[in-house]
Amino acid sequence: MIRKWGLPWYLIGIGGTIILIVLFVITRMPGNPITGRGGPVSPLGLAIEVFQVAFIGLAIAIIIYESKRRKQLSGKTASETA
């Protein structure tokens, strides 16, 4: 987000993080389709998942904020030139 790569890359990052969260949840369930057994849930693993969810929330908030700010700036410049 700091380098301003653009909306498509931000959405890819959010989607990839969601996939990682889903894989974590699936592999912790007993009888899961990937490993066939449930794995242990460590406190560090849970902390990482919390940070991943926080990343998704912050990324979405930044995207919404930036899109609203761009609309305001483009609206001001259009009205100033008219």
N, C-alpha and C. Protein backbone atom coordinates (compact mmCIF):
# COMPACT_ATOMS: atom_id res chain seq x y z
N MET A 1 0.82 -1.17 0.00
CA MET A 1 0.00 0.00 0.00
C MET A 1 0.88 1.25 0.00
N ILE A 2 2.06 1.13 0.55
CA ILE A 2 2.95 2.29 0.61
C ILE A 2 3.46 2.64 -0.78
N ARG A 3 3.73 1.64 -1.60
CA ARG A 3 4.29 1.89 -2.93
C ARG A 3 3.24 2.29 -3.95
N LYS A 4 1.97 2.21 -3.61
CA LYS A 4 0.86 2.58 -4.50
C LYS A 4 0.91 1.80 -5.81
N TRP A 5 0.85 0.48 -5.72
CA TRP A 5 0.90 -0.36 -6.90
C TRP A 5 -0.40 -0.34 -7.69
N GLY A 6 -1.50 -0.07 -7.03
CA GLY A 6 -2.76 0.01 -7.74
C GLY A 6 -3.78 -0.98 -7.19
N LEU A 7 -5.02 -0.68 -7.47
CA LEU A 7 -6.13 -1.45 -6.95
C LEU A 7 -6.08 -2.94 -7.31
N PRO A 8 -5.74 -3.32 -8.55
CA PRO A 8 -5.70 -4.76 -8.85
C PRO A 8 -4.75 -5.54 -7.94
N TRP A 9 -3.59 -4.97 -7.65
CA TRP A 9 -2.63 -5.66 -6.79
C TRP A 9 -3.10 -5.73 -5.35
N TYR A 10 -3.78 -4.68 -4.89
CA TYR A 10 -4.33 -4.71 -3.53
C TYR A 10 -5.39 -5.80 -3.41
N LEU A 11 -6.22 -5.92 -4.43
CA LEU A 11 -7.27 -6.95 -4.41
C LEU A 11 -6.66 -8.35 -4.48
N ILE A 12 -5.59 -8.51 -5.24
CA ILE A 12 -4.90 -9.81 -5.29
C ILE A 12 -4.32 -10.14 -3.92
N GLY A 13 -3.74 -9.16 -3.24
CA GLY A 13 -3.21 -9.38 -1.90
C GLY A 13 -4.29 -9.77 -0.90
N ILE A 14 -5.43 -9.09 -0.97
CA ILE A 14 -6.55 -9.42 -0.08
C ILE A 14 -7.05 -10.83 -0.38
N GLY A 15 -7.21 -11.15 -1.67
CA GLY A 15 -7.68 -12.48 -2.05
C GLY A 15 -6.72 -13.58 -1.62
N GLY A 16 -5.43 -13.35 -1.79
CA GLY A 16 -4.43 -14.33 -1.36
C GLY A 16 -4.44 -14.54 0.14
N THR A 17 -4.63 -13.47 0.89
CA THR A 17 -4.68 -13.59 2.34
C THR A 17 -5.92 -14.36 2.77
N ILE A 18 -7.04 -14.12 2.10
CA ILE A 18 -8.26 -14.87 2.41
C ILE A 18 -8.05 -16.36 2.13
N ILE A 19 -7.37 -16.67 1.04
CA ILE A 19 -7.07 -18.08 0.72
C ILE A 19 -6.21 -18.70 1.81
N LEU A 20 -5.21 -17.98 2.30
CA LEU A 20 -4.37 -18.50 3.38
C LEU A 20 -5.16 -18.75 4.66
N ILE A 21 -6.09 -17.87 4.98
CA ILE A 21 -6.93 -18.05 6.16
C ILE A 21 -7.81 -19.29 6.00
N VAL A 22 -8.40 -19.45 4.82
CA VAL A 22 -9.25 -20.62 4.56
C VAL A 22 -8.43 -21.90 4.66
N LEU A 23 -7.22 -21.91 4.11
CA LEU A 23 -6.37 -23.10 4.21
C LEU A 23 -6.02 -23.41 5.67
N PHE A 24 -5.75 -22.38 6.46
CA PHE A 24 -5.45 -22.60 7.88
C PHE A 24 -6.64 -23.25 8.58
N VAL A 25 -7.82 -22.73 8.33
CA VAL A 25 -9.03 -23.27 8.98
C VAL A 25 -9.29 -24.70 8.52
N ILE A 26 -9.17 -24.95 7.22
CA ILE A 26 -9.44 -26.30 6.69
C ILE A 26 -8.46 -27.31 7.26
N THR A 27 -7.19 -26.95 7.35
CA THR A 27 -6.19 -27.93 7.82
C THR A 27 -6.25 -28.15 9.32
N ARG A 28 -7.02 -27.37 10.04
CA ARG A 28 -7.17 -27.58 11.48
C ARG A 28 -8.41 -28.40 11.83
N MET A 29 -9.25 -28.68 10.85
CA MET A 29 -10.46 -29.47 11.10
C MET A 29 -10.12 -30.96 11.04
N PRO A 30 -10.71 -31.77 11.93
CA PRO A 30 -10.48 -33.22 11.84
C PRO A 30 -11.11 -33.78 10.57
N GLY A 31 -10.42 -34.67 9.91
CA GLY A 31 -10.92 -35.29 8.69
C GLY A 31 -10.96 -34.34 7.52
N ASN A 32 -10.04 -33.39 7.49
CA ASN A 32 -10.05 -32.42 6.39
C ASN A 32 -9.61 -33.06 5.09
N PRO A 33 -10.01 -32.48 3.95
CA PRO A 33 -9.69 -33.10 2.66
C PRO A 33 -8.23 -32.96 2.23
N ILE A 34 -7.45 -32.13 2.88
CA ILE A 34 -6.07 -31.92 2.46
C ILE A 34 -5.13 -32.94 3.10
N THR A 35 -5.17 -33.07 4.43
CA THR A 35 -4.26 -33.99 5.10
C THR A 35 -4.97 -35.19 5.71
N GLY A 36 -6.27 -35.11 5.85
CA GLY A 36 -7.03 -36.23 6.41
C GLY A 36 -7.05 -36.25 7.93
N ARG A 37 -6.39 -35.33 8.56
CA ARG A 37 -6.38 -35.26 10.02
C ARG A 37 -6.34 -33.80 10.44
N GLY A 38 -6.77 -33.53 11.65
CA GLY A 38 -6.75 -32.17 12.17
C GLY A 38 -5.41 -31.84 12.79
N GLY A 39 -4.93 -30.66 12.53
CA GLY A 39 -3.65 -30.25 13.09
C GLY A 39 -3.86 -29.47 14.38
N PRO A 40 -2.81 -29.33 15.15
CA PRO A 40 -2.92 -28.54 16.39
C PRO A 40 -3.01 -27.04 16.08
N VAL A 41 -3.65 -26.32 16.98
CA VAL A 41 -3.76 -24.87 16.85
C VAL A 41 -2.87 -24.25 17.92
N SER A 42 -1.81 -23.59 17.49
CA SER A 42 -0.89 -22.96 18.44
C SER A 42 -1.28 -21.50 18.65
N PRO A 43 -0.89 -20.94 19.78
CA PRO A 43 -1.18 -19.52 20.01
C PRO A 43 -0.54 -18.61 18.96
N LEU A 44 0.65 -18.96 18.50
CA LEU A 44 1.31 -18.16 17.47
C LEU A 44 0.52 -18.23 16.15
N GLY A 45 0.01 -19.40 15.82
CA GLY A 45 -0.80 -19.56 14.62
C GLY A 45 -2.07 -18.72 14.67
N LEU A 46 -2.70 -18.70 15.85
CA LEU A 46 -3.89 -17.87 16.01
C LEU A 46 -3.55 -16.38 15.91
N ALA A 47 -2.42 -15.98 16.46
CA ALA A 47 -2.01 -14.58 16.37
C ALA A 47 -1.77 -14.17 14.92
N ILE A 48 -1.17 -15.05 14.15
CA ILE A 48 -0.93 -14.76 12.74
C ILE A 48 -2.25 -14.60 12.01
N GLU A 49 -3.22 -15.46 12.30
CA GLU A 49 -4.53 -15.34 11.65
C GLU A 49 -5.23 -14.04 12.03
N VAL A 50 -5.09 -13.63 13.27
CA VAL A 50 -5.69 -12.36 13.70
C VAL A 50 -5.06 -11.20 12.93
N PHE A 51 -3.75 -11.23 12.77
CA PHE A 51 -3.08 -10.18 12.00
C PHE A 51 -3.47 -10.21 10.53
N GLN A 52 -3.70 -11.39 9.98
CA GLN A 52 -4.14 -11.48 8.60
C GLN A 52 -5.53 -10.87 8.43
N VAL A 53 -6.42 -11.15 9.37
CA VAL A 53 -7.76 -10.55 9.32
C VAL A 53 -7.65 -9.04 9.48
N ALA A 54 -6.78 -8.57 10.36
CA ALA A 54 -6.57 -7.13 10.53
C ALA A 54 -6.04 -6.50 9.25
N PHE A 55 -5.12 -7.19 8.56
CA PHE A 55 -4.61 -6.69 7.29
C PHE A 55 -5.73 -6.52 6.28
N ILE A 56 -6.61 -7.51 6.19
CA ILE A 56 -7.72 -7.43 5.24
C ILE A 56 -8.60 -6.22 5.57
N GLY A 57 -8.94 -6.06 6.84
CA GLY A 57 -9.77 -4.93 7.23
C GLY A 57 -9.12 -3.59 6.95
N LEU A 58 -7.85 -3.47 7.29
CA LEU A 58 -7.13 -2.22 7.04
C LEU A 58 -6.97 -1.94 5.54
N ALA A 59 -6.68 -2.95 4.77
CA ALA A 59 -6.52 -2.77 3.33
C ALA A 59 -7.83 -2.30 2.70
N ILE A 60 -8.94 -2.91 3.10
CA ILE A 60 -10.24 -2.49 2.57
C ILE A 60 -10.55 -1.06 3.00
N ALA A 61 -10.26 -0.72 4.24
CA ALA A 61 -10.51 0.64 4.73
C ALA A 61 -9.67 1.65 3.95
N ILE A 62 -8.41 1.34 3.69
CA ILE A 62 -7.55 2.25 2.94
C ILE A 62 -8.04 2.39 1.51
N ILE A 63 -8.45 1.31 0.89
CA ILE A 63 -8.96 1.37 -0.48
C ILE A 63 -10.20 2.26 -0.54
N ILE A 64 -11.11 2.09 0.39
CA ILE A 64 -12.34 2.91 0.41
C ILE A 64 -11.98 4.38 0.65
N TYR A 65 -11.10 4.64 1.61
CA TYR A 65 -10.70 6.02 1.91
C TYR A 65 -10.05 6.68 0.69
N GLU A 66 -9.13 5.98 0.05
CA GLU A 66 -8.45 6.55 -1.11
C GLU A 66 -9.40 6.78 -2.28
N SER A 67 -10.34 5.88 -2.49
CA SER A 67 -11.28 6.07 -3.60
C SER A 67 -12.19 7.27 -3.34
N LYS A 68 -12.62 7.46 -2.09
CA LYS A 68 -13.43 8.63 -1.76
C LYS A 68 -12.62 9.91 -1.90
N ARG A 69 -11.36 9.88 -1.48
CA ARG A 69 -10.50 11.05 -1.58
C ARG A 69 -10.24 11.42 -3.03
N ARG A 70 -10.03 10.43 -3.88
CA ARG A 70 -9.81 10.70 -5.30
C ARG A 70 -11.05 11.29 -5.95
N LYS A 71 -12.23 10.79 -5.56
CA LYS A 71 -13.47 11.35 -6.11
C LYS A 71 -13.64 12.80 -5.70
N GLN A 72 -13.31 13.11 -4.45
CA GLN A 72 -13.42 14.49 -3.98
C GLN A 72 -12.43 15.39 -4.72
N LEU A 73 -11.20 14.92 -4.90
CA LEU A 73 -10.20 15.72 -5.59
C LEU A 73 -10.56 15.93 -7.05
N SER A 74 -11.05 14.89 -7.70
CA SER A 74 -11.42 15.02 -9.11
C SER A 74 -12.67 15.89 -9.25
N GLY A 75 -13.56 15.86 -8.29
CA GLY A 75 -14.75 16.72 -8.31
C GLY A 75 -14.38 18.17 -8.12
N LYS A 76 -13.40 18.45 -7.26
CA LYS A 76 -12.97 19.83 -7.01
C LYS A 76 -12.25 20.39 -8.23
N THR A 77 -11.40 19.60 -8.87
CA THR A 77 -10.67 20.11 -10.01
C THR A 77 -11.60 20.34 -11.19
N ALA A 78 -12.60 19.50 -11.35
CA ALA A 78 -13.55 19.69 -12.45
C ALA A 78 -14.40 20.93 -12.22
N SER A 79 -14.81 21.18 -10.97
CA SER A 79 -15.62 22.35 -10.69
C SER A 79 -14.78 23.64 -10.72
N GLU A 80 -13.51 23.53 -10.38
CA GLU A 80 -12.65 24.71 -10.40
C GLU A 80 -12.33 25.14 -11.83
N THR A 81 -12.23 24.18 -12.75
CA THR A 81 -11.91 24.52 -14.13
C THR A 81 -13.12 25.02 -14.89
N ALA A 82 -14.31 24.73 -14.42
CA ALA A 82 -15.53 25.15 -15.13
C ALA A 82 -15.89 26.59 -14.83
